[in-house]
């Protein structure tokens, strides 16, 4: 029993050191890293906006009969929980408006966004 416990603890400790020591922590004390952090947030917002646009495009082009299957295949969580086409479009519009407002709040420059 003691041997198994020591072997397990030794293996876990080794595993923690192997996986945990390889992570890189960004420096936040320089202005350049603060700018890149803001740029990263802006890029994430832009990516989410593009996902919402794709979701809206697919919902608009899909018939109401096949909409539930199309929504499952899109892999865009947290846009809507409905399978009603008008409700899905309203939820997508609200989500996009919230993302655009967040983008403007952070003073991000949008890249070729249609309004």
Protein backbone atom coordinates (compact mmCIF):
# COMPACT_ATOMS: atom_id res chain seq x y z
CA UNK A 1 0.00 0.00 0.00
CA UNK A 2 2.78 2.42 0.91
CA UNK A 3 4.65 1.53 -2.27
CA UNK A 4 1.59 2.31 -4.43
CA UNK A 5 1.04 5.61 -2.63
CA UNK A 6 4.67 6.69 -3.06
CA UNK A 7 4.67 5.65 -6.71
CA UNK A 8 1.43 7.57 -7.37
CA UNK A 9 2.62 10.71 -5.60
CA UNK A 10 5.96 10.57 -7.41
CA UNK A 11 4.26 10.16 -10.77
CA UNK A 12 1.85 13.02 -10.11
CA UNK A 13 4.66 15.30 -8.97
CA UNK A 14 6.67 14.51 -12.09
CA UNK A 15 3.65 15.06 -14.28
CA UNK A 16 2.96 18.43 -12.67
CA UNK A 17 6.54 19.56 -13.18
CA UNK A 18 6.60 18.40 -16.79
CA UNK A 19 3.36 20.09 -17.79
CA UNK A 20 3.32 23.06 -15.42
CA UNK A 21 6.82 24.41 -15.95
CA UNK A 22 6.40 24.71 -19.69
CA UNK A 23 3.79 27.49 -19.55
CA UNK A 24 4.80 31.02 -20.48
CA UNK A 25 3.47 33.96 -18.51
CA UNK A 26 3.19 37.30 -20.34
CA UNK A 27 4.85 40.35 -18.86
CA UNK A 28 2.36 43.08 -18.05
CA UNK A 29 4.66 45.81 -16.83
CA UNK A 30 5.63 47.08 -20.29
CA UNK A 31 3.32 49.21 -22.46
CA UNK A 32 4.00 46.99 -25.51
CA UNK A 33 2.49 43.96 -23.80
CA UNK A 34 -0.53 46.01 -22.74
CA UNK A 35 -1.09 47.00 -26.35
CA UNK A 36 -0.76 43.40 -27.54
CA UNK A 37 -3.22 42.30 -24.85
CA UNK A 38 -5.74 44.85 -26.09
CA UNK A 39 -5.10 43.79 -29.66
CA UNK A 40 -5.68 40.18 -28.66
CA UNK A 41 -8.99 41.07 -27.04
CA UNK A 42 -9.97 43.02 -30.15
CA UNK A 43 -9.09 40.06 -32.35
CA UNK A 44 -11.20 37.76 -30.17
CA UNK A 45 -14.16 40.14 -30.42
CA UNK A 46 -13.71 40.34 -34.20
CA UNK A 47 -13.63 36.53 -34.38
CA UNK A 48 -16.88 36.32 -32.38
CA UNK A 49 -18.51 38.89 -34.67
CA UNK A 50 -17.52 36.82 -37.68
CA UNK A 51 -19.02 33.72 -36.03
CA UNK A 52 -22.28 35.57 -35.41
CA UNK A 53 -22.30 36.79 -39.03
CA UNK A 54 -21.77 33.23 -40.26
CA UNK A 55 -24.52 31.99 -37.95
CA UNK A 56 -26.92 34.65 -39.26
CA UNK A 57 -26.05 33.83 -42.86
CA UNK A 58 -26.66 30.11 -42.38
CA UNK A 59 -29.92 30.69 -40.50
CA UNK A 60 -31.20 33.03 -43.22
CA UNK A 61 -30.36 30.56 -46.00
CA UNK A 62 -31.72 27.45 -44.25
CA UNK A 63 -35.36 26.50 -44.38
CA UNK A 64 -37.23 26.37 -41.09
CA UNK A 65 -37.64 22.61 -41.48
CA UNK A 66 -33.87 21.94 -41.45
CA UNK A 67 -32.92 24.71 -39.06
CA UNK A 68 -32.45 22.60 -35.95
CA UNK A 69 -29.88 20.36 -37.67
CA UNK A 70 -28.06 23.35 -39.12
CA UNK A 71 -27.90 25.08 -35.74
CA UNK A 72 -26.39 21.98 -34.15
CA UNK A 73 -23.74 21.75 -36.87
CA UNK A 74 -22.62 25.40 -36.61
CA UNK A 75 -20.61 25.11 -33.36
CA UNK A 76 -21.48 28.64 -32.26
CA UNK A 77 -22.56 28.40 -28.63
CA UNK A 78 -24.23 31.12 -26.60
CA UNK A 79 -25.88 32.88 -29.54
CA UNK A 80 -29.32 31.38 -29.07
CA UNK A 81 -31.08 28.45 -27.46
CA UNK A 82 -34.14 28.65 -29.69
CA UNK A 83 -34.87 26.64 -32.81
CA UNK A 84 -37.39 29.21 -34.08
CA UNK A 85 -35.94 31.04 -37.10
CA UNK A 86 -37.12 34.60 -36.26
CA UNK A 87 -36.03 34.20 -32.63
CA UNK A 88 -32.62 32.90 -33.73
CA UNK A 89 -32.15 35.92 -35.98
CA UNK A 90 -33.18 38.33 -33.20
CA UNK A 91 -30.80 36.66 -30.73
CA UNK A 92 -27.96 36.83 -33.27
CA UNK A 93 -28.65 40.54 -33.88
CA UNK A 94 -28.60 41.23 -30.11
CA UNK A 95 -25.36 39.29 -29.71
CA UNK A 96 -23.74 41.17 -32.59
CA UNK A 97 -24.88 44.53 -31.22
CA UNK A 98 -23.38 43.67 -27.83
CA UNK A 99 -20.08 42.64 -29.42
CA UNK A 100 -19.94 45.80 -31.56
CA UNK A 101 -20.63 47.92 -28.46
CA UNK A 102 -17.82 46.13 -26.61
CA UNK A 103 -15.54 46.65 -29.59
CA UNK A 104 -16.31 50.38 -29.66
CA UNK A 105 -15.84 50.60 -25.89
CA UNK A 106 -12.31 49.20 -26.26
CA UNK A 107 -11.63 51.52 -29.25
CA UNK A 108 -10.88 48.61 -31.53
CA UNK A 109 -10.63 49.24 -35.24
CA UNK A 110 -13.08 46.96 -37.05
CA UNK A 111 -11.73 45.14 -40.07
CA UNK A 112 -14.09 45.37 -43.07
CA UNK A 113 -17.28 45.01 -41.05
CA UNK A 114 -20.54 45.62 -42.85
CA UNK A 115 -23.30 47.43 -40.99
